[in-house]
Amino acid sequence: MFGISEIAIFLIIAVLIFGARKLPELARSLGKSARILKSEARALKSDGISPTVPADPPADGANDPRVIRGTATEKPGPH
């Protein structure tokens, strides 16, 4: 995926942008965020909740939560 030269260039750019003092704090924060995301994904998986959206909604939209239904009394059209 990435070679040593690409990683070295990335680290040099990161040091120039953030400074050498901020990099350890940034890495800690990134690691903590990754652990939280991983634990939440495991919790969803153990609860049986799929974090993905179904590929194809029903064609008629009968059970589609994105469809808004109301009780309109007048016909839509120009006023």
N, C-alpha and C. Protein backbone atom coordinates (compact mmCIF):
# COMPACT_ATOMS: atom_id res chain seq x y z
N MET A 1 0.82 -1.17 0.00
CA MET A 1 0.00 0.00 0.00
C MET A 1 0.88 1.25 0.00
N PHE A 2 1.57 1.50 1.11
CA PHE A 2 2.49 2.63 1.18
C PHE A 2 3.89 2.10 1.39
N GLY A 3 4.84 2.72 0.74
CA GLY A 3 6.23 2.36 0.93
C GLY A 3 6.85 3.23 2.01
N ILE A 4 8.09 2.94 2.33
CA ILE A 4 8.80 3.69 3.37
C ILE A 4 8.98 5.14 2.97
N SER A 5 9.24 5.40 1.70
CA SER A 5 9.46 6.79 1.27
C SER A 5 8.17 7.62 1.39
N GLU A 6 7.01 7.02 1.07
CA GLU A 6 5.75 7.75 1.20
C GLU A 6 5.44 8.06 2.67
N ILE A 7 5.70 7.10 3.55
CA ILE A 7 5.47 7.30 4.98
C ILE A 7 6.40 8.39 5.51
N ALA A 8 7.66 8.38 5.08
CA ALA A 8 8.62 9.38 5.52
C ALA A 8 8.18 10.78 5.07
N ILE A 9 7.73 10.90 3.84
CA ILE A 9 7.26 12.20 3.33
C ILE A 9 6.05 12.67 4.14
N PHE A 10 5.13 11.75 4.42
CA PHE A 10 3.95 12.09 5.22
C PHE A 10 4.35 12.58 6.61
N LEU A 11 5.31 11.90 7.26
CA LEU A 11 5.74 12.32 8.59
C LEU A 11 6.43 13.68 8.58
N ILE A 12 7.22 13.94 7.55
CA ILE A 12 7.89 15.24 7.44
C ILE A 12 6.86 16.35 7.28
N ILE A 13 5.86 16.12 6.44
CA ILE A 13 4.80 17.12 6.25
C ILE A 13 4.02 17.32 7.54
N ALA A 14 3.74 16.23 8.26
CA ALA A 14 3.00 16.32 9.52
C ALA A 14 3.78 17.13 10.55
N VAL A 15 5.09 16.92 10.62
CA VAL A 15 5.93 17.69 11.56
C VAL A 15 5.93 19.16 11.18
N LEU A 16 5.99 19.44 9.89
CA LEU A 16 5.98 20.84 9.46
C LEU A 16 4.64 21.52 9.76
N ILE A 17 3.54 20.79 9.60
CA ILE A 17 2.22 21.38 9.81
C ILE A 17 1.90 21.51 11.29
N PHE A 18 2.05 20.43 12.05
CA PHE A 18 1.60 20.41 13.43
C PHE A 18 2.70 20.72 14.43
N GLY A 19 3.93 20.53 14.07
CA GLY A 19 5.03 20.73 15.01
C GLY A 19 5.33 19.44 15.77
N ALA A 20 6.56 19.29 16.19
CA ALA A 20 7.00 18.05 16.83
C ALA A 20 6.33 17.84 18.19
N ARG A 21 5.97 18.91 18.88
CA ARG A 21 5.38 18.77 20.21
C ARG A 21 3.93 18.28 20.15
N LYS A 22 3.22 18.60 19.10
CA LYS A 22 1.81 18.24 18.99
C LYS A 22 1.60 16.82 18.45
N LEU A 23 2.57 16.24 17.78
CA LEU A 23 2.37 14.93 17.15
C LEU A 23 2.03 13.81 18.14
N PRO A 24 2.70 13.67 19.30
CA PRO A 24 2.31 12.61 20.23
C PRO A 24 0.88 12.78 20.74
N GLU A 25 0.49 14.02 21.01
CA GLU A 25 -0.88 14.27 21.47
C GLU A 25 -1.89 13.93 20.37
N LEU A 26 -1.55 14.28 19.15
CA LEU A 26 -2.41 13.98 18.01
C LEU A 26 -2.55 12.47 17.81
N ALA A 27 -1.44 11.74 17.93
CA ALA A 27 -1.46 10.29 17.78
C ALA A 27 -2.28 9.63 18.88
N ARG A 28 -2.16 10.12 20.12
CA ARG A 28 -2.96 9.60 21.23
C ARG A 28 -4.45 9.81 20.98
N SER A 29 -4.79 10.98 20.53
CA SER A 29 -6.18 11.31 20.26
C SER A 29 -6.74 10.44 19.13
N LEU A 30 -5.95 10.23 18.11
CA LEU A 30 -6.38 9.38 16.99
C LEU A 30 -6.55 7.94 17.45
N GLY A 31 -5.65 7.44 18.27
CA GLY A 31 -5.76 6.08 18.79
C GLY A 31 -6.98 5.91 19.68
N LYS A 32 -7.24 6.90 20.52
CA LYS A 32 -8.41 6.84 21.40
C LYS A 32 -9.70 6.83 20.58
N SER A 33 -9.75 7.66 19.55
CA SER A 33 -10.93 7.70 18.68
C SER A 33 -11.14 6.37 17.96
N ALA A 34 -10.05 5.76 17.51
CA ALA A 34 -10.15 4.47 16.82
C ALA A 34 -10.65 3.39 17.78
N ARG A 35 -10.18 3.40 19.04
CA ARG A 35 -10.65 2.41 20.03
C ARG A 35 -12.13 2.59 20.33
N ILE A 36 -12.58 3.83 20.45
CA ILE A 36 -14.00 4.10 20.73
C ILE A 36 -14.86 3.61 19.56
N LEU A 37 -14.44 3.92 18.36
CA LEU A 37 -15.19 3.50 17.18
C LEU A 37 -15.26 1.98 17.10
N LYS A 38 -14.15 1.32 17.37
CA LYS A 38 -14.11 -0.14 17.33
C LYS A 38 -15.02 -0.75 18.38
N SER A 39 -15.02 -0.20 19.60
CA SER A 39 -15.87 -0.74 20.66
C SER A 39 -17.34 -0.51 20.36
N GLU A 40 -17.69 0.63 19.78
CA GLU A 40 -19.08 0.88 19.41
C GLU A 40 -19.53 -0.06 18.31
N ALA A 41 -18.66 -0.34 17.35
CA ALA A 41 -19.02 -1.27 16.28
C ALA A 41 -19.22 -2.67 16.84
N ARG A 42 -18.39 -3.08 17.79
CA ARG A 42 -18.57 -4.39 18.43
C ARG A 42 -19.88 -4.44 19.21
N ALA A 43 -20.22 -3.35 19.90
CA ALA A 43 -21.46 -3.31 20.67
C ALA A 43 -22.67 -3.42 19.75
N LEU A 44 -22.64 -2.72 18.63
CA LEU A 44 -23.75 -2.82 17.68
C LEU A 44 -23.86 -4.23 17.12
N LYS A 45 -22.72 -4.83 16.85
CA LYS A 45 -22.71 -6.19 16.29
C LYS A 45 -23.26 -7.19 17.31
N SER A 46 -22.90 -7.04 18.58
CA SER A 46 -23.36 -7.98 19.60
C SER A 46 -24.84 -7.79 19.89
N ASP A 47 -25.38 -6.57 19.67
CA ASP A 47 -26.80 -6.32 19.86
C ASP A 47 -27.62 -6.80 18.68
N GLY A 48 -26.96 -7.18 17.61
CA GLY A 48 -27.66 -7.65 16.42
C GLY A 48 -28.11 -6.53 15.51
N ILE A 49 -27.63 -5.33 15.74
CA ILE A 49 -27.99 -4.19 14.90
C ILE A 49 -26.92 -4.04 13.83
N SER A 50 -27.35 -4.02 12.60
CA SER A 50 -26.40 -3.87 11.50
C SER A 50 -26.15 -2.39 11.25
N PRO A 51 -24.88 -1.95 11.23
CA PRO A 51 -24.61 -0.54 11.00
C PRO A 51 -24.74 -0.14 9.54
N THR A 52 -25.10 -1.07 8.66
CA THR A 52 -25.20 -0.75 7.25
C THR A 52 -26.65 -0.52 6.86
N VAL A 53 -26.86 0.22 5.81
CA VAL A 53 -28.19 0.50 5.28
C VAL A 53 -28.54 -0.58 4.27
N PRO A 54 -29.80 -1.05 4.22
CA PRO A 54 -30.16 -2.06 3.24
C PRO A 54 -29.89 -1.56 1.82
N ALA A 55 -29.51 -2.48 0.95
CA ALA A 55 -29.12 -2.12 -0.41
C ALA A 55 -30.30 -1.54 -1.21
N ASP A 56 -31.43 -2.21 -1.22
CA ASP A 56 -32.56 -1.78 -2.03
C ASP A 56 -33.80 -1.63 -1.15
N PRO A 57 -34.37 -0.43 -1.08
CA PRO A 57 -35.63 -0.27 -0.33
C PRO A 57 -36.77 -0.89 -1.13
N PRO A 58 -37.89 -1.16 -0.50
CA PRO A 58 -39.03 -1.72 -1.23
C PRO A 58 -39.45 -0.80 -2.37
N ALA A 59 -39.87 -1.39 -3.48
CA ALA A 59 -40.21 -0.62 -4.66
C ALA A 59 -41.41 0.30 -4.43
N ASP A 60 -42.39 -0.14 -3.64
CA ASP A 60 -43.57 0.68 -3.43
C ASP A 60 -43.39 1.71 -2.33
N GLY A 61 -42.34 1.58 -1.53
CA GLY A 61 -42.08 2.53 -0.46
C GLY A 61 -42.97 2.34 0.74
N ALA A 62 -43.63 1.18 0.85
CA ALA A 62 -44.58 0.95 1.93
C ALA A 62 -43.91 1.00 3.30
N ASN A 63 -42.74 0.44 3.43
CA ASN A 63 -42.06 0.41 4.72
C ASN A 63 -40.85 1.32 4.75
N ASP A 64 -40.77 2.24 3.82
CA ASP A 64 -39.61 3.12 3.73
C ASP A 64 -39.76 4.27 4.72
N PRO A 65 -38.86 4.38 5.73
CA PRO A 65 -38.99 5.46 6.72
C PRO A 65 -38.73 6.84 6.15
N ARG A 66 -38.18 6.91 4.95
CA ARG A 66 -37.91 8.22 4.36
C ARG A 66 -39.15 8.83 3.70
N VAL A 67 -40.20 8.01 3.49
CA VAL A 67 -41.42 8.50 2.86
C VAL A 67 -42.27 9.19 3.91
N ILE A 68 -42.68 10.41 3.61
CA ILE A 68 -43.51 11.19 4.54
C ILE A 68 -44.95 11.07 4.08
N ARG A 69 -45.80 10.61 4.99
CA ARG A 69 -47.21 10.47 4.67
C ARG A 69 -48.01 11.42 5.55
N GLY A 70 -49.03 11.99 4.99
CA GLY A 70 -49.85 12.91 5.76
C GLY A 70 -51.31 12.77 5.38
N THR A 71 -52.12 13.69 5.88
CA THR A 71 -53.54 13.68 5.57
C THR A 71 -53.89 14.98 4.89
N ALA A 72 -53.43 15.15 3.68
CA ALA A 72 -53.71 16.37 2.93
C ALA A 72 -55.16 16.33 2.46
N THR A 73 -55.85 17.43 2.59
CA THR A 73 -57.26 17.48 2.19
C THR A 73 -57.47 18.17 0.85
N GLU A 74 -56.51 18.94 0.38
CA GLU A 74 -56.68 19.57 -0.91
C GLU A 74 -55.67 19.03 -1.89
N LYS A 75 -56.01 19.10 -3.15
CA LYS A 75 -55.15 18.57 -4.18
C LYS A 75 -53.98 19.53 -4.41
N PRO A 76 -52.79 18.95 -4.63
CA PRO A 76 -51.66 19.84 -4.95
C PRO A 76 -51.82 20.42 -6.34
N GLY A 77 -51.38 21.60 -6.53
CA GLY A 77 -51.46 22.23 -7.84
C GLY A 77 -51.22 23.71 -7.73
N PRO A 78 -51.33 24.40 -8.84
CA PRO A 78 -51.11 25.87 -8.81
C PRO A 78 -52.24 26.56 -8.04
N HIS A 79 -51.88 27.58 -7.33
CA HIS A 79 -52.85 28.31 -6.51
C HIS A 79 -53.21 29.61 -7.14
